[in-house]
Amino acid sequence: MKIKEIWRYPVKSMQGESIDSGSMTSNGLEGDRAWALWDGVTIRGAKKFAQLMQAKAWYEEPGKAPLIQLPDQAPFSAEDTECNAHLSDFCGADVTLEPLRSPDDLDYYRRVAEERSEAEARAFFGLGPDDPFPDFSRFPSSVAEYASPPGTYFDCFSLHIMTTSSLKSLQALAPDSQIDARRFRPNLIIETDEEGFPETGWEGKKLKVGDVVINLTLMCPRCVMPTIGFDEFKKDPGIMRTLVQNCQHSLGIYAEVEQPGTLQVGAEVQLI
């Protein structure tokens, strides 16, 4: 196995950037999900503002604020004085773009009551009225209380990993859908030659890439985001139907960094 692609998403829910190498810190890929939208009540993403998937964000210089490009507009910096006005117009709501805050600011990261209802949860996961919910029993209890683990803008864990085998297998199950890794927003795409969905057997194991060691935690239950249309991809609820019926809602695996270091595209990956 080897690393085929590395992806970083400077702004939560916006399109990210493919990079040749990246620094793995104890809290994931450096610069990943470092900014997010705040509406004065809670952290928001594409589950609230689906149009965010049409926006792009990338770093022009290391250590600088990312650049953002909205459809048919010139890029602007996340620190531009007009940034919040641009994003508010784009989202149709008053929002501000915020860098990460202290993990002690618990109220900032807390979910609002509306996100805890069954109806909102079904919308969040793109589920029909009769679809079963994913099994959340193995997730940290804090997921129910916080929109992101305090001090981060991740949904739950700091890394998301997918294999080329899983993408190929999902495409075979959904031949009429446009299956592309960009719909699923992984950090690492691992090139594999196995049949089926290799990640389903990876829970509790580790990936070793040079000096970097990654703990593989649990399969990633998919939310509605892979069904959202953006760029050349059309809106496709059928993707969720396929995942519910064939993959127990899941695709790819969550992970956390045990030993930091640098990753390169093409690096050999060892499953241990």
Protein backbone atom coordinates (compact mmCIF):
# COMPACT_ATOMS: atom_id res chain seq x y z
CA MET A 1 0.00 0.00 0.00
CA LYS A 2 1.06 3.58 -0.52
CA ILE A 3 -0.29 7.11 -0.11
CA LYS A 4 -2.01 8.13 -3.32
CA GLU A 5 -3.30 11.56 -2.21
CA ILE A 6 -3.12 13.93 0.76
CA TRP A 7 -5.96 16.41 1.25
CA ARG A 8 -6.20 19.39 3.56
CA TYR A 9 -9.32 21.50 4.17
CA PRO A 10 -8.40 24.90 5.64
CA VAL A 11 -12.06 25.92 6.17
CA LYS A 12 -14.60 23.46 7.51
CA SER A 13 -17.03 22.32 4.75
CA MET A 14 -15.27 24.16 1.93
CA GLN A 15 -13.37 22.33 -0.79
CA GLY A 16 -9.77 21.72 0.14
CA GLU A 17 -6.41 21.34 -1.54
CA SER A 18 -4.43 18.34 -2.68
CA ILE A 19 -0.86 18.58 -1.37
CA ASP A 20 2.30 16.59 -2.06
CA SER A 21 3.38 16.45 1.57
CA GLY A 22 2.07 17.47 4.96
CA SER A 23 3.06 17.62 8.60
CA MET A 24 1.17 15.27 10.88
CA THR A 25 0.79 16.79 14.33
CA SER A 26 -0.74 15.20 17.41
CA ASN A 27 -3.98 16.87 16.31
CA GLY A 28 -4.04 15.76 12.68
CA LEU A 29 -2.76 17.28 9.47
CA GLU A 30 -1.32 20.74 10.08
CA GLY A 31 -3.70 23.45 8.87
CA ASP A 32 -6.64 21.11 8.41
CA ARG A 33 -10.03 22.50 9.48
CA ALA A 34 -8.36 25.51 11.11
CA TRP A 35 -11.26 27.89 10.33
CA ALA A 36 -15.06 27.58 10.43
CA LEU A 37 -18.24 29.62 10.14
CA TRP A 38 -20.02 30.85 13.27
CA ASP A 39 -23.55 32.24 13.16
CA GLY A 40 -23.57 33.71 16.65
CA VAL A 41 -25.10 30.55 18.08
CA THR A 42 -22.97 27.58 17.03
CA ILE A 43 -20.37 26.35 14.52
CA ARG A 44 -21.88 25.83 11.08
CA GLY A 45 -20.90 23.88 7.99
CA ALA A 46 -22.38 22.49 4.79
CA LYS A 47 -25.03 20.55 6.68
CA LYS A 48 -26.57 23.98 7.38
CA PHE A 49 -25.23 25.89 4.37
CA ALA A 50 -24.87 23.36 1.54
CA GLN A 51 -23.48 26.05 -0.76
CA LEU A 52 -20.22 26.01 1.23
CA MET A 53 -19.25 22.95 -0.80
CA GLN A 54 -19.05 25.24 -3.84
CA ALA A 55 -16.43 27.42 -2.13
CA LYS A 56 -12.70 26.67 -2.23
CA ALA A 57 -10.02 27.32 0.39
CA TRP A 58 -6.26 26.86 0.25
CA TYR A 59 -3.03 28.12 1.78
CA GLU A 60 -0.86 30.25 -0.47
CA GLU A 61 1.84 30.54 2.21
CA PRO A 62 2.55 28.33 5.24
CA GLY A 63 1.48 29.93 8.49
CA LYS A 64 -0.73 32.52 6.76
CA ALA A 65 -4.53 32.72 6.74
CA PRO A 66 -6.08 30.74 3.87
CA LEU A 67 -7.43 32.21 0.67
CA ILE A 68 -11.10 31.66 -0.15
CA GLN A 69 -12.82 31.69 -3.49
CA LEU A 70 -16.59 31.79 -3.90
CA PRO A 71 -18.14 30.89 -7.26
CA ASP A 72 -17.50 33.53 -9.92
CA GLN A 73 -15.59 35.78 -7.50
CA ALA A 74 -11.95 36.68 -7.03
CA PRO A 75 -10.12 35.02 -4.12
CA PHE A 76 -9.86 36.87 -0.82
CA SER A 77 -8.04 36.23 2.45
CA ALA A 78 -9.77 34.82 5.52
CA GLU A 79 -8.44 37.93 7.27
CA ASP A 80 -9.79 40.36 4.64
CA THR A 81 -11.98 43.10 6.15
CA GLU A 82 -14.78 42.17 3.74
CA CYS A 83 -14.50 38.41 4.33
CA ASN A 84 -17.49 38.12 6.66
CA ALA A 85 -19.66 40.28 4.40
CA HIS A 86 -18.81 38.08 1.40
CA LEU A 87 -19.61 34.89 3.31
CA SER A 88 -22.81 36.29 4.80
CA ASP A 89 -24.08 37.25 1.36
CA PHE A 90 -23.11 33.84 0.03
CA CYS A 91 -24.84 31.94 2.86
CA GLY A 92 -27.85 34.23 3.14
CA ALA A 93 -27.27 34.60 6.88
CA ASP A 94 -25.08 36.61 9.21
CA VAL A 95 -21.92 34.57 9.73
CA THR A 96 -18.34 35.20 10.69
CA LEU A 97 -15.28 33.16 9.78
CA GLU A 98 -13.48 32.17 12.96
CA PRO A 99 -10.07 30.61 13.61
CA LEU A 100 -9.88 27.91 16.24
CA ARG A 101 -10.67 29.05 19.76
CA SER A 102 -9.37 27.72 23.07
CA PRO A 103 -10.65 24.27 24.05
CA ASP A 104 -11.74 25.90 27.31
CA ASP A 105 -14.37 27.96 25.46
CA LEU A 106 -16.94 25.18 25.78
CA ASP A 107 -19.98 27.30 24.97
CA TYR A 108 -18.50 28.18 21.59
CA TYR A 109 -18.19 24.50 20.63
CA ARG A 110 -21.52 23.38 22.12
CA ARG A 111 -24.35 22.08 19.96
CA VAL A 112 -27.68 23.86 19.94
CA ALA A 113 -30.91 22.11 20.93
CA GLU A 114 -32.22 21.97 17.36
CA GLU A 115 -29.34 19.69 16.35
CA ARG A 116 -30.31 17.08 18.94
CA SER A 117 -33.80 16.30 17.62
CA GLU A 118 -34.48 13.13 15.65
CA ALA A 119 -35.71 15.10 12.64
CA GLU A 120 -32.52 17.16 12.56
CA ALA A 121 -30.41 14.04 13.02
CA ARG A 122 -32.12 12.34 10.06
CA ALA A 123 -31.50 15.41 7.92
CA PHE A 124 -27.89 15.51 9.12
CA PHE A 125 -27.30 11.92 7.99
CA GLY A 126 -29.44 12.10 4.86
CA LEU A 127 -31.69 9.31 6.15
CA GLY A 128 -35.23 8.52 5.10
CA PRO A 129 -38.02 8.07 7.68
CA ASP A 130 -37.52 4.29 7.81
CA ASP A 131 -33.71 4.16 7.60
CA PRO A 132 -31.94 2.97 10.73
CA PHE A 133 -29.44 5.25 12.42
CA PRO A 134 -25.75 4.33 12.50
CA ASP A 135 -24.44 2.74 15.69
CA PHE A 136 -23.15 5.62 17.80
CA SER A 137 -22.40 3.57 20.91
CA ARG A 138 -18.65 3.56 20.25
CA PHE A 139 -18.36 7.29 19.72
CA PRO A 140 -17.23 9.62 22.51
CA SER A 141 -20.21 10.85 24.53
CA SER A 142 -19.05 14.44 23.90
CA VAL A 143 -20.22 14.14 20.26
CA ALA A 144 -23.80 14.60 21.43
CA GLU A 145 -22.94 17.77 23.32
CA TYR A 146 -20.39 19.52 21.11
CA ALA A 147 -20.54 20.43 17.41
CA SER A 148 -16.78 19.78 17.34
CA PRO A 149 -14.43 18.37 19.97
CA PRO A 150 -13.43 21.54 21.88
CA GLY A 151 -10.30 23.06 20.40
CA THR A 152 -10.98 21.59 16.92
CA TYR A 153 -13.31 21.90 13.96
CA PHE A 154 -13.44 18.15 13.30
CA ASP A 155 -16.72 16.28 13.40
CA CYS A 156 -15.22 13.75 15.77
CA PHE A 157 -11.67 12.50 15.11
CA SER A 158 -8.71 14.34 13.64
CA LEU A 159 -8.10 12.18 10.55
CA HIS A 160 -10.23 10.54 7.90
CA ILE A 161 -8.70 7.83 5.70
CA MET A 162 -10.08 6.06 2.63
CA THR A 163 -8.78 3.42 0.23
CA THR A 164 -8.96 3.30 -3.53
CA SER A 165 -10.54 -0.15 -3.16
CA SER A 166 -13.50 1.26 -1.24
CA LEU A 167 -14.09 4.02 -3.77
CA LYS A 168 -13.96 1.50 -6.60
CA SER A 169 -16.30 -0.90 -4.79
CA LEU A 170 -18.84 1.84 -4.03
CA GLN A 171 -18.81 2.88 -7.67
CA ALA A 172 -19.60 -0.72 -8.65
CA LEU A 173 -22.56 -0.72 -6.25
CA ALA A 174 -23.79 2.65 -7.54
CA PRO A 175 -22.97 2.68 -11.27
CA ASP A 176 -25.21 5.68 -11.95
CA SER A 177 -23.55 7.85 -9.28
CA GLN A 178 -20.45 10.00 -9.59
CA ILE A 179 -18.25 8.46 -6.90
CA ASP A 180 -15.22 10.63 -6.24
CA ALA A 181 -13.08 11.07 -3.13
CA ARG A 182 -13.84 14.80 -3.15
CA ARG A 183 -17.41 14.03 -2.11
CA PHE A 184 -16.15 12.27 1.04
CA ARG A 185 -13.39 14.69 2.09
CA PRO A 186 -10.68 12.28 3.30
CA ASN A 187 -7.28 13.45 4.47
CA LEU A 188 -5.46 10.41 3.11
CA ILE A 189 -6.31 8.19 0.16
CA ILE A 190 -4.43 4.91 0.39
CA GLU A 191 -3.83 2.98 -2.82
CA THR A 192 -4.86 -0.65 -2.31
CA ASP A 193 -5.51 -3.64 -4.57
CA GLU A 194 -7.92 -5.58 -2.36
CA GLU A 195 -11.52 -6.32 -3.20
CA GLY A 196 -14.39 -4.76 -1.27
CA PHE A 197 -13.91 -2.31 1.59
CA PRO A 198 -10.56 -2.99 3.34
CA GLU A 199 -11.11 -0.39 6.09
CA THR A 200 -13.83 -2.54 7.64
CA GLY A 201 -11.06 -4.81 8.94
CA TRP A 202 -8.75 -2.04 10.12
CA GLU A 203 -10.41 -0.92 13.35
CA GLY A 204 -8.03 -1.15 16.29
CA LYS A 205 -4.96 -1.46 14.05
CA LYS A 206 -2.33 1.10 13.07
CA LEU A 207 -0.84 2.54 9.90
CA LYS A 208 2.90 3.16 9.86
CA VAL A 209 4.28 5.56 7.25
CA GLY A 210 7.96 6.19 7.87
CA ASP A 211 8.12 7.59 11.40
CA VAL A 212 4.43 8.47 11.46
CA VAL A 213 2.11 6.12 13.35
CA ILE A 214 -1.67 6.48 12.98
CA ASN A 215 -4.24 4.77 15.20
CA LEU A 216 -7.27 3.52 13.28
CA THR A 217 -10.31 4.04 15.50
CA LEU A 218 -13.64 3.20 13.84
CA MET A 219 -15.48 3.28 10.55
CA CYS A 220 -16.86 6.65 9.51
CA PRO A 221 -20.67 6.88 9.34
CA ARG A 222 -21.51 9.17 6.47
CA CYS A 223 -23.63 12.30 6.80
CA VAL A 224 -25.53 14.07 4.04
CA MET A 225 -22.48 15.89 2.66
CA PRO A 226 -21.45 13.31 0.01
CA THR A 227 -24.88 13.73 -1.61
CA ILE A 228 -24.53 17.52 -2.06
CA GLY A 229 -23.95 18.78 -5.58
CA PHE A 230 -20.91 20.96 -6.33
CA ASP A 231 -18.65 21.67 -9.29
CA GLU A 232 -19.22 18.84 -11.79
CA PHE A 233 -20.99 16.65 -9.24
CA LYS A 234 -24.78 16.59 -9.22
CA LYS A 235 -26.90 16.29 -6.08
CA ASP A 236 -27.31 12.56 -5.48
CA PRO A 237 -29.32 11.18 -2.52
CA GLY A 238 -28.83 7.74 -4.08
CA ILE A 239 -25.30 7.65 -2.68
CA MET A 240 -26.69 7.59 0.85
CA ARG A 241 -29.23 4.91 -0.10
CA THR A 242 -26.38 2.74 -1.39
CA LEU A 243 -24.33 3.27 1.77
CA VAL A 244 -27.27 2.47 4.06
CA GLN A 245 -28.20 -0.67 2.14
CA ASN A 246 -24.72 -2.07 1.55
CA CYS A 247 -22.17 -0.46 3.88
CA GLN A 248 -23.94 0.09 7.23
CA HIS A 249 -23.90 3.85 6.48
CA SER A 250 -20.09 3.91 6.51
CA LEU A 251 -17.21 4.57 4.15
CA GLY A 252 -13.61 5.20 5.16
CA ILE A 253 -12.21 5.11 8.67
CA TYR A 254 -11.54 7.67 11.38
CA ALA A 255 -8.06 7.85 12.86
CA GLU A 256 -5.81 9.74 15.26
CA VAL A 257 -2.09 10.47 15.20
CA GLU A 258 0.03 8.52 17.67
CA GLN A 259 3.46 9.52 16.37
CA PRO A 260 3.74 12.85 14.47
CA GLY A 261 5.96 13.40 11.46
CA THR A 262 5.84 14.23 7.76
CA LEU A 263 3.88 12.37 5.08
CA GLN A 264 4.63 12.34 1.37
CA VAL A 265 2.51 11.24 -1.57
CA GLY A 266 3.89 7.90 -2.78
CA ALA A 267 5.16 6.84 0.64
CA GLU A 268 4.78 3.18 1.52
CA VAL A 269 2.11 2.38 4.09
CA GLN A 270 2.30 -0.55 6.49
CA LEU A 271 -0.75 -1.94 8.31
CA ILE A 272 0.27 -3.17 11.76
